[in-house]
Amino acid sequence: MATFKYRLATFLRIRESARDERRVRLAQAYRAEEMLRSRQQRVAEELAVLAARIRAAAAPGAVDVDTLLDAQRFELVLKAERQQLAAQEEQVRAEIRRRHEALVEANREVQVLQKLRERQFQRWRGEEDRREVKRLDEVAQRLSVKEEP
């Protein structure tokens, strides 16, 4: 009995490889987004600590103007970084959407080829079954011819 050979097997493997590569790229984008969120969280925490230090330095009594100025400059730096991180996060989100759409398309292409393979296999299986029935019919016919006196 012959074995089934899918003529587009190489093409299917190439499509599966492309799909897997797109999965990896999407995972990388998700990791980048997580790193940005983590950095945003750290900046927010630093801003909260800095605000407490500014309030403590501005408390009634002796005021260290240099410390207040340094803290306010650092606060401006942190706020600028927070804005930059927000802009980067938006870019990463757009990239995630783009990579997700590419993955969906690659997956669709693989599924089309898999369905085609399944249809071809079913057709091949039917042809093999018909050939087997034909061979058995021929054997049975030969046996019946031999048995007739």
N, C-alpha and C. Protein backbone atom coordinates (compact mmCIF):
# COMPACT_ATOMS: atom_id res chain seq x y z
N MET A 1 0.84 -1.18 0.00
CA MET A 1 0.00 0.00 0.00
C MET A 1 0.89 1.24 0.00
N ALA A 2 0.59 2.18 -0.85
CA ALA A 2 1.37 3.41 -0.97
C ALA A 2 1.11 4.33 0.22
N THR A 3 2.07 5.21 0.47
CA THR A 3 1.90 6.16 1.56
C THR A 3 1.49 7.51 0.98
N PHE A 4 0.77 8.26 1.78
CA PHE A 4 0.28 9.58 1.35
C PHE A 4 1.42 10.57 1.36
N LYS A 5 1.56 11.32 0.30
CA LYS A 5 2.56 12.38 0.22
C LYS A 5 1.85 13.68 -0.13
N TYR A 6 1.95 14.62 0.78
CA TYR A 6 1.35 15.94 0.57
C TYR A 6 2.32 16.76 -0.27
N ARG A 7 1.90 17.16 -1.43
CA ARG A 7 2.77 17.87 -2.36
C ARG A 7 3.20 19.23 -1.84
N LEU A 8 2.41 19.83 -0.98
CA LEU A 8 2.73 21.17 -0.47
C LEU A 8 3.33 21.12 0.94
N ALA A 9 3.87 19.97 1.33
CA ALA A 9 4.41 19.81 2.69
C ALA A 9 5.52 20.81 2.97
N THR A 10 6.40 21.03 2.02
CA THR A 10 7.50 21.99 2.22
C THR A 10 6.94 23.40 2.39
N PHE A 11 5.98 23.73 1.56
CA PHE A 11 5.34 25.04 1.65
C PHE A 11 4.65 25.20 3.01
N LEU A 12 3.99 24.14 3.48
CA LEU A 12 3.34 24.17 4.79
C LEU A 12 4.38 24.39 5.90
N ARG A 13 5.51 23.69 5.82
CA ARG A 13 6.55 23.87 6.84
C ARG A 13 7.08 25.31 6.83
N ILE A 14 7.21 25.88 5.65
CA ILE A 14 7.68 27.27 5.56
C ILE A 14 6.67 28.21 6.22
N ARG A 15 5.39 27.98 5.93
CA ARG A 15 4.34 28.82 6.54
C ARG A 15 4.31 28.64 8.05
N GLU A 16 4.47 27.41 8.52
CA GLU A 16 4.48 27.16 9.97
C GLU A 16 5.68 27.84 10.61
N SER A 17 6.80 27.82 9.93
CA SER A 17 8.00 28.49 10.45
C SER A 17 7.77 30.01 10.53
N ALA A 18 7.15 30.56 9.50
CA ALA A 18 6.85 32.00 9.50
C ALA A 18 5.88 32.34 10.63
N ARG A 19 4.88 31.48 10.83
CA ARG A 19 3.92 31.70 11.92
C ARG A 19 4.63 31.66 13.26
N ASP A 20 5.52 30.69 13.45
CA ASP A 20 6.24 30.57 14.72
C ASP A 20 7.13 31.79 14.95
N GLU A 21 7.75 32.29 13.88
CA GLU A 21 8.57 33.49 14.00
C GLU A 21 7.71 34.69 14.42
N ARG A 22 6.54 34.78 13.87
CA ARG A 22 5.64 35.89 14.23
C ARG A 22 5.18 35.76 15.68
N ARG A 23 5.01 34.54 16.15
CA ARG A 23 4.68 34.35 17.57
C ARG A 23 5.80 34.86 18.46
N VAL A 24 7.03 34.55 18.08
CA VAL A 24 8.19 35.00 18.86
C VAL A 24 8.24 36.52 18.86
N ARG A 25 8.04 37.12 17.70
CA ARG A 25 8.08 38.58 17.62
C ARG A 25 6.96 39.23 18.46
N LEU A 26 5.79 38.61 18.48
CA LEU A 26 4.71 39.14 19.31
C LEU A 26 5.06 39.01 20.79
N ALA A 27 5.65 37.89 21.17
CA ALA A 27 6.06 37.70 22.56
C ALA A 27 7.11 38.75 22.96
N GLN A 28 8.02 39.06 22.04
CA GLN A 28 9.02 40.10 22.31
C GLN A 28 8.36 41.46 22.53
N ALA A 29 7.36 41.75 21.75
CA ALA A 29 6.65 43.03 21.91
C ALA A 29 5.93 43.08 23.25
N TYR A 30 5.34 41.95 23.66
CA TYR A 30 4.68 41.91 24.97
C TYR A 30 5.70 42.11 26.09
N ARG A 31 6.90 41.52 25.93
CA ARG A 31 7.94 41.71 26.95
C ARG A 31 8.37 43.18 27.01
N ALA A 32 8.48 43.81 25.85
CA ALA A 32 8.85 45.23 25.82
C ALA A 32 7.79 46.07 26.52
N GLU A 33 6.53 45.73 26.29
CA GLU A 33 5.45 46.46 26.96
C GLU A 33 5.53 46.27 28.47
N GLU A 34 5.81 45.06 28.90
CA GLU A 34 5.91 44.79 30.34
C GLU A 34 7.09 45.56 30.95
N MET A 35 8.20 45.65 30.22
CA MET A 35 9.35 46.40 30.73
C MET A 35 9.00 47.89 30.86
N LEU A 36 8.27 48.42 29.89
CA LEU A 36 7.86 49.82 29.96
C LEU A 36 6.94 50.07 31.15
N ARG A 37 6.00 49.16 31.35
CA ARG A 37 5.09 49.32 32.50
C ARG A 37 5.85 49.25 33.81
N SER A 38 6.81 48.35 33.87
CA SER A 38 7.62 48.23 35.08
C SER A 38 8.39 49.53 35.34
N ARG A 39 8.97 50.08 34.28
CA ARG A 39 9.71 51.34 34.43
C ARG A 39 8.76 52.47 34.81
N GLN A 40 7.56 52.50 34.24
CA GLN A 40 6.58 53.52 34.60
C GLN A 40 6.22 53.41 36.08
N GLN A 41 6.09 52.19 36.57
CA GLN A 41 5.78 51.98 37.98
C GLN A 41 6.91 52.51 38.87
N ARG A 42 8.15 52.23 38.47
CA ARG A 42 9.29 52.73 39.25
C ARG A 42 9.35 54.25 39.24
N VAL A 43 9.07 54.88 38.10
CA VAL A 43 9.07 56.34 38.01
C VAL A 43 7.96 56.91 38.91
N ALA A 44 6.80 56.29 38.89
CA ALA A 44 5.70 56.76 39.74
C ALA A 44 6.09 56.65 41.22
N GLU A 45 6.75 55.56 41.58
CA GLU A 45 7.19 55.40 42.97
C GLU A 45 8.24 56.45 43.33
N GLU A 46 9.18 56.70 42.41
CA GLU A 46 10.20 57.72 42.65
C GLU A 46 9.56 59.10 42.80
N LEU A 47 8.55 59.38 42.00
CA LEU A 47 7.85 60.67 42.12
C LEU A 47 7.16 60.79 43.47
N ALA A 48 6.56 59.71 43.94
CA ALA A 48 5.89 59.75 45.24
C ALA A 48 6.91 60.00 46.36
N VAL A 49 8.04 59.32 46.30
CA VAL A 49 9.09 59.51 47.31
C VAL A 49 9.63 60.93 47.24
N LEU A 50 9.83 61.42 46.04
CA LEU A 50 10.35 62.77 45.85
C LEU A 50 9.37 63.81 46.37
N ALA A 51 8.07 63.59 46.13
CA ALA A 51 7.05 64.53 46.63
C ALA A 51 7.09 64.58 48.15
N ALA A 52 7.28 63.43 48.77
CA ALA A 52 7.36 63.41 50.24
C ALA A 52 8.61 64.14 50.71
N ARG A 53 9.72 63.99 50.01
CA ARG A 53 10.95 64.70 50.38
C ARG A 53 10.78 66.20 50.20
N ILE A 54 10.10 66.61 49.13
CA ILE A 54 9.88 68.04 48.90
C ILE A 54 9.01 68.62 50.01
N ARG A 55 7.96 67.88 50.38
CA ARG A 55 7.09 68.36 51.48
C ARG A 55 7.88 68.46 52.79
N ALA A 56 8.74 67.50 53.04
CA ALA A 56 9.54 67.52 54.27
C ALA A 56 10.54 68.68 54.24
N ALA A 57 11.14 68.93 53.08
CA ALA A 57 12.12 70.01 52.98
C ALA A 57 11.46 71.38 53.07
N ALA A 58 10.20 71.47 52.66
CA ALA A 58 9.48 72.75 52.70
C ALA A 58 8.72 72.93 54.00
N ALA A 59 8.90 72.04 54.94
CA ALA A 59 8.19 72.14 56.22
C ALA A 59 8.64 73.40 56.97
N PRO A 60 7.79 73.84 57.89
CA PRO A 60 8.17 75.05 58.66
C PRO A 60 9.53 74.86 59.33
N GLY A 61 10.26 75.90 59.38
CA GLY A 61 11.59 75.86 59.98
C GLY A 61 12.62 76.26 58.94
N ALA A 62 13.83 75.79 59.14
CA ALA A 62 14.92 76.11 58.21
C ALA A 62 14.68 75.39 56.89
N VAL A 63 14.73 76.16 55.82
CA VAL A 63 14.49 75.59 54.49
C VAL A 63 15.80 75.58 53.72
N ASP A 64 16.14 74.40 53.20
CA ASP A 64 17.33 74.26 52.37
C ASP A 64 16.90 74.46 50.91
N VAL A 65 17.13 75.66 50.41
CA VAL A 65 16.68 76.03 49.07
C VAL A 65 17.34 75.17 48.00
N ASP A 66 18.63 74.88 48.16
CA ASP A 66 19.33 74.06 47.17
C ASP A 66 18.70 72.66 47.07
N THR A 67 18.35 72.08 48.20
CA THR A 67 17.72 70.76 48.20
C THR A 67 16.37 70.82 47.50
N LEU A 68 15.61 71.86 47.79
CA LEU A 68 14.31 72.02 47.12
C LEU A 68 14.47 72.18 45.61
N LEU A 69 15.43 73.00 45.19
CA LEU A 69 15.65 73.21 43.75
C LEU A 69 16.09 71.90 43.07
N ASP A 70 17.01 71.19 43.72
CA ASP A 70 17.46 69.91 43.16
C ASP A 70 16.30 68.92 43.05
N ALA A 71 15.48 68.88 44.07
CA ALA A 71 14.33 67.96 44.07
C ALA A 71 13.34 68.34 42.98
N GLN A 72 13.11 69.64 42.81
CA GLN A 72 12.17 70.07 41.76
C GLN A 72 12.73 69.79 40.36
N ARG A 73 14.04 69.98 40.19
CA ARG A 73 14.65 69.63 38.90
C ARG A 73 14.51 68.13 38.62
N PHE A 74 14.78 67.34 39.66
CA PHE A 74 14.67 65.89 39.49
C PHE A 74 13.23 65.50 39.20
N GLU A 75 12.29 66.21 39.83
CA GLU A 75 10.87 65.95 39.58
C GLU A 75 10.53 66.23 38.11
N LEU A 76 11.07 67.32 37.57
CA LEU A 76 10.85 67.63 36.16
C LEU A 76 11.44 66.53 35.25
N VAL A 77 12.62 66.04 35.62
CA VAL A 77 13.24 64.96 34.84
C VAL A 77 12.36 63.71 34.88
N LEU A 78 11.87 63.39 36.06
CA LEU A 78 11.02 62.19 36.20
C LEU A 78 9.71 62.34 35.43
N LYS A 79 9.13 63.54 35.47
CA LYS A 79 7.88 63.76 34.73
C LYS A 79 8.11 63.67 33.23
N ALA A 80 9.25 64.20 32.76
CA ALA A 80 9.57 64.09 31.34
C ALA A 80 9.78 62.62 30.95
N GLU A 81 10.44 61.88 31.83
CA GLU A 81 10.63 60.46 31.56
C GLU A 81 9.30 59.72 31.53
N ARG A 82 8.41 60.10 32.43
CA ARG A 82 7.08 59.47 32.46
C ARG A 82 6.33 59.73 31.15
N GLN A 83 6.43 60.95 30.63
CA GLN A 83 5.78 61.26 29.35
C GLN A 83 6.42 60.48 28.21
N GLN A 84 7.73 60.39 28.24
CA GLN A 84 8.43 59.63 27.20
C GLN A 84 8.03 58.15 27.26
N LEU A 85 7.93 57.60 28.45
CA LEU A 85 7.53 56.20 28.60
C LEU A 85 6.10 55.98 28.12
N ALA A 86 5.24 56.96 28.37
CA ALA A 86 3.85 56.84 27.90
C ALA A 86 3.81 56.84 26.37
N ALA A 87 4.62 57.69 25.75
CA ALA A 87 4.67 57.72 24.29
C ALA A 87 5.23 56.41 23.74
N GLN A 88 6.27 55.90 24.38
CA GLN A 88 6.84 54.62 23.95
C GLN A 88 5.84 53.49 24.13
N GLU A 89 5.08 53.53 25.21
CA GLU A 89 4.10 52.48 25.45
C GLU A 89 3.03 52.49 24.35
N GLU A 90 2.64 53.66 23.92
CA GLU A 90 1.65 53.76 22.84
C GLU A 90 2.22 53.18 21.55
N GLN A 91 3.49 53.46 21.27
CA GLN A 91 4.14 52.89 20.09
C GLN A 91 4.21 51.36 20.19
N VAL A 92 4.53 50.88 21.37
CA VAL A 92 4.63 49.43 21.56
C VAL A 92 3.25 48.79 21.41
N ARG A 93 2.23 49.44 21.91
CA ARG A 93 0.87 48.90 21.75
C ARG A 93 0.49 48.81 20.26
N ALA A 94 0.85 49.84 19.51
CA ALA A 94 0.58 49.81 18.06
C ALA A 94 1.35 48.67 17.41
N GLU A 95 2.58 48.48 17.84
CA GLU A 95 3.39 47.38 17.30
C GLU A 95 2.81 46.02 17.69
N ILE A 96 2.30 45.92 18.90
CA ILE A 96 1.66 44.67 19.34
C ILE A 96 0.45 44.38 18.46
N ARG A 97 -0.36 45.40 18.21
CA ARG A 97 -1.53 45.20 17.33
C ARG A 97 -1.10 44.74 15.95
N ARG A 98 -0.06 45.39 15.41
CA ARG A 98 0.42 45.03 14.08
C ARG A 98 0.95 43.59 14.06
N ARG A 99 1.73 43.24 15.06
CA ARG A 99 2.29 41.88 15.12
C ARG A 99 1.20 40.84 15.37
N HIS A 100 0.20 41.20 16.14
CA HIS A 100 -0.90 40.27 16.37
C HIS A 100 -1.65 40.00 15.08
N GLU A 101 -1.91 41.06 14.32
CA GLU A 101 -2.60 40.89 13.03
C GLU A 101 -1.76 40.03 12.08
N ALA A 102 -0.44 40.22 12.09
CA ALA A 102 0.44 39.42 11.24
C ALA A 102 0.40 37.95 11.66
N LEU A 103 0.34 37.72 12.97
CA LEU A 103 0.25 36.35 13.47
C LEU A 103 -1.07 35.71 13.08
N VAL A 104 -2.15 36.45 13.19
CA VAL A 104 -3.46 35.93 12.81
C VAL A 104 -3.46 35.55 11.32
N GLU A 105 -2.88 36.40 10.49
CA GLU A 105 -2.81 36.12 9.06
C GLU A 105 -1.95 34.89 8.78
N ALA A 106 -0.81 34.79 9.45
CA ALA A 106 0.06 33.63 9.26
C ALA A 106 -0.63 32.36 9.71
N ASN A 107 -1.36 32.43 10.80
CA ASN A 107 -2.10 31.27 11.30
C ASN A 107 -3.18 30.86 10.30
N ARG A 108 -3.83 31.83 9.71
CA ARG A 108 -4.87 31.56 8.71
C ARG A 108 -4.26 30.84 7.50
N GLU A 109 -3.09 31.30 7.07
CA GLU A 109 -2.42 30.67 5.93
C GLU A 109 -2.07 29.22 6.24
N VAL A 110 -1.59 28.97 7.46
CA VAL A 110 -1.26 27.60 7.86
C VAL A 110 -2.52 26.74 7.88
N GLN A 111 -3.60 27.27 8.43
CA GLN A 111 -4.84 26.51 8.52
C GLN A 111 -5.38 26.16 7.13
N VAL A 112 -5.25 27.09 6.19
CA VAL A 112 -5.71 26.81 4.82
C VAL A 112 -4.93 25.63 4.25
N LEU A 113 -3.62 25.64 4.43
CA LEU A 113 -2.80 24.55 3.90
C LEU A 113 -3.09 23.24 4.64
N GLN A 114 -3.36 23.31 5.93
CA GLN A 114 -3.70 22.10 6.68
C GLN A 114 -5.03 21.52 6.22
N LYS A 115 -6.00 22.38 5.96
CA LYS A 115 -7.29 21.91 5.46
C LYS A 115 -7.14 21.28 4.08
N LEU A 116 -6.32 21.90 3.25
CA LEU A 116 -6.06 21.34 1.93
C LEU A 116 -5.40 19.97 2.05
N ARG A 117 -4.44 19.86 2.96
CA ARG A 117 -3.79 18.57 3.18
C ARG A 117 -4.80 17.53 3.63
N GLU A 118 -5.69 17.91 4.53
CA GLU A 118 -6.70 16.97 5.02
C GLU A 118 -7.63 16.53 3.89
N ARG A 119 -8.04 17.48 3.04
CA ARG A 119 -8.90 17.11 1.91
C ARG A 119 -8.17 16.19 0.94
N GLN A 120 -6.92 16.51 0.66
CA GLN A 120 -6.15 15.65 -0.23
C GLN A 120 -5.95 14.26 0.38
N PHE A 121 -5.72 14.21 1.68
CA PHE A 121 -5.57 12.91 2.33
C PHE A 121 -6.86 12.11 2.24
N GLN A 122 -7.99 12.76 2.48
CA GLN A 122 -9.27 12.05 2.39
C GLN A 122 -9.51 11.54 0.98
N ARG A 123 -9.18 12.34 -0.01
CA ARG A 123 -9.33 11.93 -1.40
C ARG A 123 -8.41 10.74 -1.69
N TRP A 124 -7.16 10.83 -1.24
CA TRP A 124 -6.20 9.73 -1.43
C TRP A 124 -6.68 8.47 -0.72
N ARG A 125 -7.19 8.65 0.50
CA ARG A 125 -7.69 7.50 1.28
C ARG A 125 -8.84 6.82 0.53
N GLY A 126 -9.75 7.61 -0.04
CA GLY A 126 -10.86 7.06 -0.81
C GLY A 126 -10.37 6.30 -2.03
N GLU A 127 -9.39 6.87 -2.72
CA GLU A 127 -8.82 6.19 -3.89
C GLU A 127 -8.13 4.89 -3.49
N GLU A 128 -7.41 4.93 -2.39
CA GLU A 128 -6.75 3.70 -1.90
C GLU A 128 -7.79 2.64 -1.53
N ASP A 129 -8.86 3.06 -0.89
CA ASP A 129 -9.92 2.11 -0.53
C ASP A 129 -10.54 1.50 -1.78
N ARG A 130 -10.79 2.33 -2.80
CA ARG A 130 -11.37 1.81 -4.05
C ARG A 130 -10.42 0.83 -4.73
N ARG A 131 -9.12 1.15 -4.74
CA ARG A 131 -8.15 0.24 -5.32
C ARG A 131 -8.10 -1.08 -4.56
N GLU A 132 -8.17 -1.01 -3.26
CA GLU A 132 -8.15 -2.23 -2.44
C GLU A 132 -9.39 -3.08 -2.70
N VAL A 133 -10.54 -2.43 -2.79
CA VAL A 133 -11.77 -3.17 -3.09
C VAL A 133 -11.66 -3.81 -4.47
N LYS A 134 -11.10 -3.08 -5.42
CA LYS A 134 -10.94 -3.61 -6.77
C LYS A 134 -10.02 -4.83 -6.76
N ARG A 135 -8.90 -4.74 -6.01
CA ARG A 135 -7.98 -5.88 -5.91
C ARG A 135 -8.67 -7.08 -5.28
N LEU A 136 -9.42 -6.82 -4.21
CA LEU A 136 -10.13 -7.92 -3.54
C LEU A 136 -11.17 -8.53 -4.45
N ASP A 137 -11.88 -7.70 -5.22
CA ASP A 137 -12.86 -8.22 -6.17
C ASP A 137 -12.18 -9.10 -7.22
N GLU A 138 -11.01 -8.67 -7.70
CA GLU A 138 -10.29 -9.47 -8.69
C GLU A 138 -9.85 -10.80 -8.11
N VAL A 139 -9.36 -10.77 -6.88
CA VAL A 139 -8.94 -12.02 -6.22
C VAL A 139 -10.15 -12.93 -6.03
N ALA A 140 -11.24 -12.37 -5.58
CA ALA A 140 -12.45 -13.18 -5.38
C ALA A 140 -12.95 -13.74 -6.71
N GLN A 141 -12.87 -12.95 -7.76
CA GLN A 141 -13.30 -13.42 -9.08
C GLN A 141 -12.39 -14.55 -9.56
N ARG A 142 -11.10 -14.44 -9.38
CA ARG A 142 -10.17 -15.50 -9.77
C ARG A 142 -10.43 -16.78 -8.99
N LEU A 143 -10.68 -16.60 -7.68
CA LEU A 143 -10.96 -17.77 -6.85
C LEU A 143 -12.25 -18.44 -7.28
N SER A 144 -13.25 -17.65 -7.63
CA SER A 144 -14.53 -18.25 -8.05
C SER A 144 -14.39 -18.94 -9.40
N VAL A 145 -13.56 -18.42 -10.27
CA VAL A 145 -13.30 -19.04 -11.57
C VAL A 145 -12.57 -20.36 -11.38
N LYS A 146 -11.62 -20.42 -10.47
CA LYS A 146 -10.88 -21.65 -10.19
C LYS A 146 -11.77 -22.71 -9.56
N GLU A 147 -12.75 -22.29 -8.77
CA GLU A 147 -13.62 -23.22 -8.07
C GLU A 147 -14.68 -23.82 -8.99
N GLU A 148 -15.00 -23.21 -10.08
CA GLU A 148 -16.01 -23.72 -11.00
C GLU A 148 -15.43 -24.93 -11.76
N PRO A 149 -16.16 -26.12 -11.78
CA PRO A 149 -15.64 -27.32 -12.47
C PRO A 149 -15.80 -27.28 -13.95
